[in-house]
Amino acid sequence: MHTLLLSLNLPNGTLLSLLLPLAALEIILLVVALVDLVRREPERVNGSKLVWGLIIILITTLGPICYFILGRKE
């Protein structure tokens, strides 16, 4: 993948300007999911809060999305 990105011949800084917003969105998604998990009562979470916390942290992008879709009781 790294070789593919280098072969695109993008001007200096273009790659960074493309990846920076994506990284920011990833961090925001992670923080919002963790804050929601911590504030939510255990009875309103499908499964263990500890397990969901690990999923959110360890499975980037998909972990928080899975939590919002499957982990919350509502």
PDB file of N, CA and C in Angstrom:
ATOM      1  N   MET A   1       0.824  -1.183   0.000  1.00  0.00           N
ATOM      2  CA  MET A   1       0.000   0.000   0.000  1.00  0.00           C
ATOM      3  C   MET A   1       0.870   1.249   0.000  1.00  0.00           C
ATOM      4  N   HIS A   2       1.946   1.239   0.783  1.00  0.00           N
ATOM      5  CA  HIS A   2       2.833   2.397   0.853  1.00  0.00           C
ATOM      6  C   HIS A   2       3.430   2.692  -0.517  1.00  0.00           C
ATOM      7  N   THR A   3       3.802   1.662  -1.247  1.00  0.00           N
ATOM      8  CA  THR A   3       4.356   1.847  -2.589  1.00  0.00           C
ATOM      9  C   THR A   3       3.306   2.437  -3.522  1.00  0.00           C
ATOM     10  N   LEU A   4       2.073   2.011  -3.382  1.00  0.00           N
ATOM     11  CA  LEU A   4       0.986   2.548  -4.201  1.00  0.00           C
ATOM     12  C   LEU A   4       0.821   4.043  -3.957  1.00  0.00           C
ATOM     13  N   LEU A   5       0.860   4.443  -2.686  1.00  0.00           N
ATOM     14  CA  LEU A   5       0.718   5.865  -2.371  1.00  0.00           C
ATOM     15  C   LEU A   5       1.875   6.676  -2.932  1.00  0.00           C
ATOM     16  N   LEU A   6       3.073   6.120  -2.896  1.00  0.00           N
ATOM     17  CA  LEU A   6       4.227   6.843  -3.436  1.00  0.00           C
ATOM     18  C   LEU A   6       4.165   6.941  -4.948  1.00  0.00           C
ATOM     19  N   SER A   7       3.569   5.951  -5.594  1.00  0.00           N
ATOM     20  CA  SER A   7       3.517   5.948  -7.055  1.00  0.00           C
ATOM     21  C   SER A   7       2.445   6.894  -7.615  1.00  0.00           C
ATOM     22  N   LEU A   8       1.635   7.487  -6.757  1.00  0.00           N
ATOM     23  CA  LEU A   8       0.596   8.397  -7.229  1.00  0.00           C
ATOM     24  C   LEU A   8       1.163   9.744  -7.665  1.00  0.00           C
ATOM     25  N   ASN A   9       2.400  10.045  -7.287  1.00  0.00           N
ATOM     26  CA  ASN A   9       3.069  11.295  -7.637  1.00  0.00           C
ATOM     27  C   ASN A   9       2.238  12.522  -7.255  1.00  0.00           C
ATOM     28  N   LEU A  10       1.768  12.537  -6.039  1.00  0.00           N
ATOM     29  CA  LEU A  10       1.004  13.666  -5.539  1.00  0.00           C
ATOM     30  C   LEU A  10       1.964  14.785  -5.140  1.00  0.00           C
ATOM     31  N   PRO A  11       1.547  16.030  -5.296  1.00  0.00           N
ATOM     32  CA  PRO A  11       2.397  17.140  -4.834  1.00  0.00           C
ATOM     33  C   PRO A  11       2.641  17.043  -3.335  1.00  0.00           C
ATOM     34  N   ASN A  12       3.737  17.628  -2.866  1.00  0.00           N
ATOM     35  CA  ASN A  12       4.073  17.585  -1.440  1.00  0.00           C
ATOM     36  C   ASN A  12       2.928  18.124  -0.604  1.00  0.00           C
ATOM     37  N   GLY A  13       2.577  17.403   0.431  1.00  0.00           N
ATOM     38  CA  GLY A  13       1.520  17.828   1.339  1.00  0.00           C
ATOM     39  C   GLY A  13       0.132  17.377   0.940  1.00  0.00           C
ATOM     40  N   THR A  14      -0.066  16.934  -0.277  1.00  0.00           N
ATOM     41  CA  THR A  14      -1.405  16.526  -0.710  1.00  0.00           C
ATOM     42  C   THR A  14      -1.872  15.286   0.032  1.00  0.00           C
ATOM     43  N   LEU A  15      -0.977  14.325   0.159  1.00  0.00           N
ATOM     44  CA  LEU A  15      -1.336  13.097   0.866  1.00  0.00           C
ATOM     45  C   LEU A  15      -1.692  13.404   2.311  1.00  0.00           C
ATOM     46  N   LEU A  16      -0.903  14.261   2.939  1.00  0.00           N
ATOM     47  CA  LEU A  16      -1.182  14.640   4.315  1.00  0.00           C
ATOM     48  C   LEU A  16      -2.518  15.362   4.422  1.00  0.00           C
ATOM     49  N   SER A  17      -2.803  16.230   3.487  1.00  0.00           N
ATOM     50  CA  SER A  17      -4.068  16.966   3.528  1.00  0.00           C
ATOM     51  C   SER A  17      -5.261  16.057   3.268  1.00  0.00           C
ATOM     52  N   LEU A  18      -5.037  14.912   2.635  1.00  0.00           N
ATOM     53  CA  LEU A  18      -6.117  13.939   2.427  1.00  0.00           C
ATOM     54  C   LEU A  18      -6.312  13.053   3.654  1.00  0.00           C
ATOM     55  N   LEU A  19      -5.212  12.665   4.297  1.00  0.00           N
ATOM     56  CA  LEU A  19      -5.294  11.730   5.405  1.00  0.00           C
ATOM     57  C   LEU A  19      -5.620  12.396   6.737  1.00  0.00           C
ATOM     58  N   LEU A  20      -5.252  13.647   6.905  1.00  0.00           N
ATOM     59  CA  LEU A  20      -5.479  14.332   8.175  1.00  0.00           C
ATOM     60  C   LEU A  20      -6.958  14.417   8.549  1.00  0.00           C
ATOM     61  N   PRO A  21      -7.855  14.805   7.638  1.00  0.00           N
ATOM     62  CA  PRO A  21      -9.286  14.817   8.012  1.00  0.00           C
ATOM     63  C   PRO A  21      -9.819  13.423   8.346  1.00  0.00           C
ATOM     64  N   LEU A  22      -9.339  12.413   7.661  1.00  0.00           N
ATOM     65  CA  LEU A  22      -9.783  11.044   7.961  1.00  0.00           C
ATOM     66  C   LEU A  22      -9.312  10.609   9.337  1.00  0.00           C
ATOM     67  N   ALA A  23      -8.093  10.959   9.681  1.00  0.00           N
ATOM     68  CA  ALA A  23      -7.567  10.628  11.009  1.00  0.00           C
ATOM     69  C   ALA A  23      -8.347  11.373  12.085  1.00  0.00           C
ATOM     70  N   ALA A  24      -8.684  12.623  11.833  1.00  0.00           N
ATOM     71  CA  ALA A  24      -9.464  13.401  12.797  1.00  0.00           C
ATOM     72  C   ALA A  24     -10.844  12.786  12.998  1.00  0.00           C
ATOM     73  N   LEU A  25     -11.486  12.365  11.923  1.00  0.00           N
ATOM     74  CA  LEU A  25     -12.795  11.714  12.040  1.00  0.00           C
ATOM     75  C   LEU A  25     -12.701  10.417  12.828  1.00  0.00           C
ATOM     76  N   GLU A  26     -11.641   9.668  12.611  1.00  0.00           N
ATOM     77  CA  GLU A  26     -11.433   8.416  13.343  1.00  0.00           C
ATOM     78  C   GLU A  26     -11.304   8.683  14.840  1.00  0.00           C
ATOM     79  N   ILE A  27     -10.544   9.695  15.203  1.00  0.00           N
ATOM     80  CA  ILE A  27     -10.353  10.028  16.615  1.00  0.00           C
ATOM     81  C   ILE A  27     -11.655  10.513  17.232  1.00  0.00           C
ATOM     82  N   ILE A  28     -12.396  11.335  16.520  1.00  0.00           N
ATOM     83  CA  ILE A  28     -13.679  11.823  17.019  1.00  0.00           C
ATOM     84  C   ILE A  28     -14.653  10.667  17.235  1.00  0.00           C
ATOM     85  N   LEU A  29     -14.726   9.755  16.281  1.00  0.00           N
ATOM     86  CA  LEU A  29     -15.601   8.585  16.400  1.00  0.00           C
ATOM     87  C   LEU A  29     -15.213   7.745  17.612  1.00  0.00           C
ATOM     88  N   LEU A  30     -13.926   7.539  17.820  1.00  0.00           N
ATOM     89  CA  LEU A  30     -13.433   6.765  18.953  1.00  0.00           C
ATOM     90  C   LEU A  30     -13.813   7.427  20.275  1.00  0.00           C
ATOM     91  N   VAL A  31     -13.589   8.724  20.385  1.00  0.00           N
ATOM     92  CA  VAL A  31     -13.877   9.442  21.628  1.00  0.00           C
ATOM     93  C   VAL A  31     -15.371   9.462  21.915  1.00  0.00           C
ATOM     94  N   VAL A  32     -16.187   9.728  20.908  1.00  0.00           N
ATOM     95  CA  VAL A  32     -17.640   9.772  21.109  1.00  0.00           C
ATOM     96  C   VAL A  32     -18.158   8.402  21.552  1.00  0.00           C
ATOM     97  N   ALA A  33     -17.661   7.339  20.961  1.00  0.00           N
ATOM     98  CA  ALA A  33     -18.095   5.986  21.337  1.00  0.00           C
ATOM     99  C   ALA A  33     -17.680   5.671  22.770  1.00  0.00           C
ATOM    100  N   LEU A  34     -16.459   6.015  23.150  1.00  0.00           N
ATOM    101  CA  LEU A  34     -16.002   5.733  24.510  1.00  0.00           C
ATOM    102  C   LEU A  34     -16.760   6.552  25.544  1.00  0.00           C
ATOM    103  N   VAL A  35     -17.012   7.823  25.249  1.00  0.00           N
ATOM    104  CA  VAL A  35     -17.770   8.664  26.179  1.00  0.00           C
ATOM    105  C   VAL A  35     -19.191   8.121  26.336  1.00  0.00           C
ATOM    106  N   ASP A  36     -19.816   7.723  25.234  1.00  0.00           N
ATOM    107  CA  ASP A  36     -21.157   7.150  25.307  1.00  0.00           C
ATOM    108  C   ASP A  36     -21.150   5.876  26.141  1.00  0.00           C
ATOM    109  N   LEU A  37     -20.164   5.037  25.942  1.00  0.00           N
ATOM    110  CA  LEU A  37     -20.071   3.772  26.685  1.00  0.00           C
ATOM    111  C   LEU A  37     -19.887   4.021  28.176  1.00  0.00           C
ATOM    112  N   VAL A  38     -19.044   4.954  28.544  1.00  0.00           N
ATOM    113  CA  VAL A  38     -18.780   5.225  29.959  1.00  0.00           C
ATOM    114  C   VAL A  38     -20.007   5.809  30.638  1.00  0.00           C
ATOM    115  N   ARG A  39     -20.723   6.680  29.964  1.00  0.00           N
ATOM    116  CA  ARG A  39     -21.895   7.330  30.564  1.00  0.00           C
ATOM    117  C   ARG A  39     -23.136   6.448  30.592  1.00  0.00           C
ATOM    118  N   ARG A  40     -23.184   5.443  29.754  1.00  0.00           N
ATOM    119  CA  ARG A  40     -24.376   4.588  29.640  1.00  0.00           C
ATOM    120  C   ARG A  40     -24.404   3.561  30.781  1.00  0.00           C
ATOM    121  N   GLU A  41     -25.604   3.365  31.345  1.00  0.00           N
ATOM    122  CA  GLU A  41     -25.770   2.367  32.394  1.00  0.00           C
ATOM    123  C   GLU A  41     -25.549   0.970  31.814  1.00  0.00           C
ATOM    124  N   PRO A  42     -24.986   0.057  32.599  1.00  0.00           N
ATOM    125  CA  PRO A  42     -24.731  -1.308  32.101  1.00  0.00           C
ATOM    126  C   PRO A  42     -25.975  -2.015  31.571  1.00  0.00           C
ATOM    127  N   GLU A  43     -27.145  -1.674  32.114  1.00  0.00           N
ATOM    128  CA  GLU A  43     -28.381  -2.313  31.659  1.00  0.00           C
ATOM    129  C   GLU A  43     -28.753  -1.888  30.246  1.00  0.00           C
ATOM    130  N   ARG A  44     -28.192  -0.790  29.766  1.00  0.00           N
ATOM    131  CA  ARG A  44     -28.518  -0.275  28.427  1.00  0.00           C
ATOM    132  C   ARG A  44     -27.447  -0.611  27.409  1.00  0.00           C
ATOM    133  N   VAL A  45     -26.588  -1.597  27.746  1.00  0.00           N
ATOM    134  CA  VAL A  45     -25.528  -2.041  26.830  1.00  0.00           C
ATOM    135  C   VAL A  45     -25.709  -3.530  26.583  1.00  0.00           C
ATOM    136  N   ASN A  46     -25.630  -3.936  25.324  1.00  0.00           N
ATOM    137  CA  ASN A  46     -25.687  -5.360  24.988  1.00  0.00           C
ATOM    138  C   ASN A  46     -24.327  -5.974  25.278  1.00  0.00           C
ATOM    139  N   GLY A  47     -24.229  -6.747  26.346  1.00  0.00           N
ATOM    140  CA  GLY A  47     -22.972  -7.384  26.706  1.00  0.00           C
ATOM    141  C   GLY A  47     -22.193  -6.577  27.726  1.00  0.00           C
ATOM    142  N   SER A  48     -20.930  -6.914  27.862  1.00  0.00           N
ATOM    143  CA  SER A  48     -20.053  -6.315  28.859  1.00  0.00           C
ATOM    144  C   SER A  48     -19.504  -4.972  28.380  1.00  0.00           C
ATOM    145  N   LYS A  49     -19.528  -3.986  29.270  1.00  0.00           N
ATOM    146  CA  LYS A  49     -18.955  -2.682  28.934  1.00  0.00           C
ATOM    147  C   LYS A  49     -17.452  -2.796  28.708  1.00  0.00           C
ATOM    148  N   LEU A  50     -16.790  -3.661  29.461  1.00  0.00           N
ATOM    149  CA  LEU A  50     -15.348  -3.860  29.291  1.00  0.00           C
ATOM    150  C   LEU A  50     -15.039  -4.408  27.907  1.00  0.00           C
ATOM    151  N   VAL A  51     -15.794  -5.397  27.482  1.00  0.00           N
ATOM    152  CA  VAL A  51     -15.569  -5.988  26.155  1.00  0.00           C
ATOM    153  C   VAL A  51     -15.818  -4.949  25.067  1.00  0.00           C
ATOM    154  N   TRP A  52     -16.892  -4.176  25.196  1.00  0.00           N
ATOM    155  CA  TRP A  52     -17.169  -3.142  24.195  1.00  0.00           C
ATOM    156  C   TRP A  52     -16.085  -2.077  24.189  1.00  0.00           C
ATOM    157  N   GLY A  53     -15.564  -1.743  25.356  1.00  0.00           N
ATOM    158  CA  GLY A  53     -14.464  -0.780  25.409  1.00  0.00           C
ATOM    159  C   GLY A  53     -13.244  -1.281  24.658  1.00  0.00           C
ATOM    160  N   LEU A  54     -12.926  -2.548  24.835  1.00  0.00           N
ATOM    161  CA  LEU A  54     -11.792  -3.141  24.113  1.00  0.00           C
ATOM    162  C   LEU A  54     -12.046  -3.191  22.613  1.00  0.00           C
ATOM    163  N   ILE A  55     -13.260  -3.522  22.227  1.00  0.00           N
ATOM    164  CA  ILE A  55     -13.606  -3.556  20.801  1.00  0.00           C
ATOM    165  C   ILE A  55     -13.469  -2.167  20.194  1.00  0.00           C
ATOM    166  N   ILE A  56     -13.966  -1.154  20.892  1.00  0.00           N
ATOM    167  CA  ILE A  56     -13.889   0.220  20.393  1.00  0.00           C
ATOM    168  C   ILE A  56     -12.434   0.642  20.205  1.00  0.00           C
ATOM    169  N   ILE A  57     -11.588   0.315  21.171  1.00  0.00           N
ATOM    170  CA  ILE A  57     -10.188   0.755  21.128  1.00  0.00           C
ATOM    171  C   ILE A  57      -9.351  -0.062  20.143  1.00  0.00           C
ATOM    172  N   LEU A  58      -9.546  -1.368  20.129  1.00  0.00           N
ATOM    173  CA  LEU A  58      -8.645  -2.248  19.364  1.00  0.00           C
ATOM    174  C   LEU A  58      -9.042  -2.434  17.904  1.00  0.00           C
ATOM    175  N   ILE A  59     -10.310  -2.292  17.591  1.00  0.00           N
ATOM    176  CA  ILE A  59     -10.745  -2.482  16.201  1.00  0.00           C
ATOM    177  C   ILE A  59     -11.081  -1.100  15.636  1.00  0.00           C
ATOM    178  N   THR A  60     -10.075  -0.465  15.089  1.00  0.00           N
ATOM    179  CA  THR A  60     -10.245   0.919  14.648  1.00  0.00           C
ATOM    180  C   THR A  60     -11.329   1.024  13.579  1.00  0.00           C
ATOM    181  N   THR A  61     -12.027   2.086  13.594  1.00  0.00           N
ATOM    182  CA  THR A  61     -13.136   2.456  12.713  1.00  0.00           C
ATOM    183  C   THR A  61     -14.326   1.508  12.874  1.00  0.00           C
ATOM    184  N   LEU A  62     -14.145   0.235  12.664  1.00  0.00           N
ATOM    185  CA  LEU A  62     -15.272  -0.697  12.761  1.00  0.00           C
ATOM    186  C   LEU A  62     -15.727  -0.943  14.193  1.00  0.00           C
ATOM    187  N   GLY A  63     -14.823  -0.853  15.155  1.00  0.00           N
ATOM    188  CA  GLY A  63     -15.184  -1.060  16.557  1.00  0.00           C
ATOM    189  C   GLY A  63     -16.232  -0.069  17.041  1.00  0.00           C
ATOM    190  N   PRO A  64     -15.962   1.239  16.895  1.00  0.00           N
ATOM    191  CA  PRO A  64     -16.991   2.209  17.314  1.00  0.00           C
ATOM    192  C   PRO A  64     -18.293   2.083  16.528  1.00  0.00           C
ATOM    193  N   ILE A  65     -18.201   1.818  15.238  1.00  0.00           N
ATOM    194  CA  ILE A  65     -19.414   1.667  14.423  1.00  0.00           C
ATOM    195  C   ILE A  65     -20.228   0.463  14.897  1.00  0.00           C
ATOM    196  N   CYS A  66     -19.557  -0.656  15.165  1.00  0.00           N
ATOM    197  CA  CYS A  66     -20.249  -1.843  15.677  1.00  0.00           C
ATOM    198  C   CYS A  66     -20.894  -1.562  17.030  1.00  0.00           C
ATOM    199  N   TYR A  67     -20.204  -0.797  17.868  1.00  0.00           N
ATOM    200  CA  TYR A  67     -20.782  -0.450  19.163  1.00  0.00           C
ATOM    201  C   TYR A  67     -22.074   0.338  18.980  1.00  0.00           C
ATOM    202  N   PHE A  68     -22.050   1.335  18.109  1.00  0.00           N
ATOM    203  CA  PHE A  68     -23.259   2.153  17.921  1.00  0.00           C
ATOM    204  C   PHE A  68     -24.399   1.345  17.317  1.00  0.00           C
ATOM    205  N   ILE A  69     -24.081   0.370  16.479  1.00  0.00           N
ATOM    206  CA  ILE A  69     -25.131  -0.426  15.834  1.00  0.00           C
ATOM    207  C   ILE A  69     -25.594  -1.578  16.723  1.00  0.00           C
ATOM    208  N   LEU A  70     -24.651  -2.301  17.331  1.00  0.00           N
ATOM    209  CA  LEU A  70     -24.985  -3.527  18.054  1.00  0.00           C
ATOM    210  C   LEU A  70     -24.892  -3.423  19.565  1.00  0.00           C
ATOM    211  N   GLY A  71     -24.076  -2.528  20.076  1.00  0.00           N
ATOM    212  CA  GLY A  71     -23.789  -2.511  21.503  1.00  0.00           C
ATOM    213  C   GLY A  71     -24.771  -1.760  22.368  1.00  0.00           C
ATOM    214  N   ARG A  72     -25.542  -0.873  21.784  1.00  0.00           N
ATOM    215  CA  ARG A  72     -26.458  -0.049  22.567  1.00  0.00           C
ATOM    216  C   ARG A  72     -27.879  -0.613  22.510  1.00  0.00           C
ATOM    217  N   LYS A  73     -28.536  -0.628  23.656  1.00  0.00           N
ATOM    218  CA  LYS A  73     -29.937  -1.031  23.708  1.00  0.00           C
ATOM    219  C   LYS A  73     -30.783   0.218  23.608  1.00  0.00           C
ATOM    220  N   GLU A  74     -31.539   0.352  22.551  1.00  0.00           N
ATOM    221  CA  GLU A  74     -32.460   1.493  22.410  1.00  0.00           C
ATOM    222  C   GLU A  74     -33.511   1.177  21.398  1.00  0.00           C
TER     223      GLU A  74
END
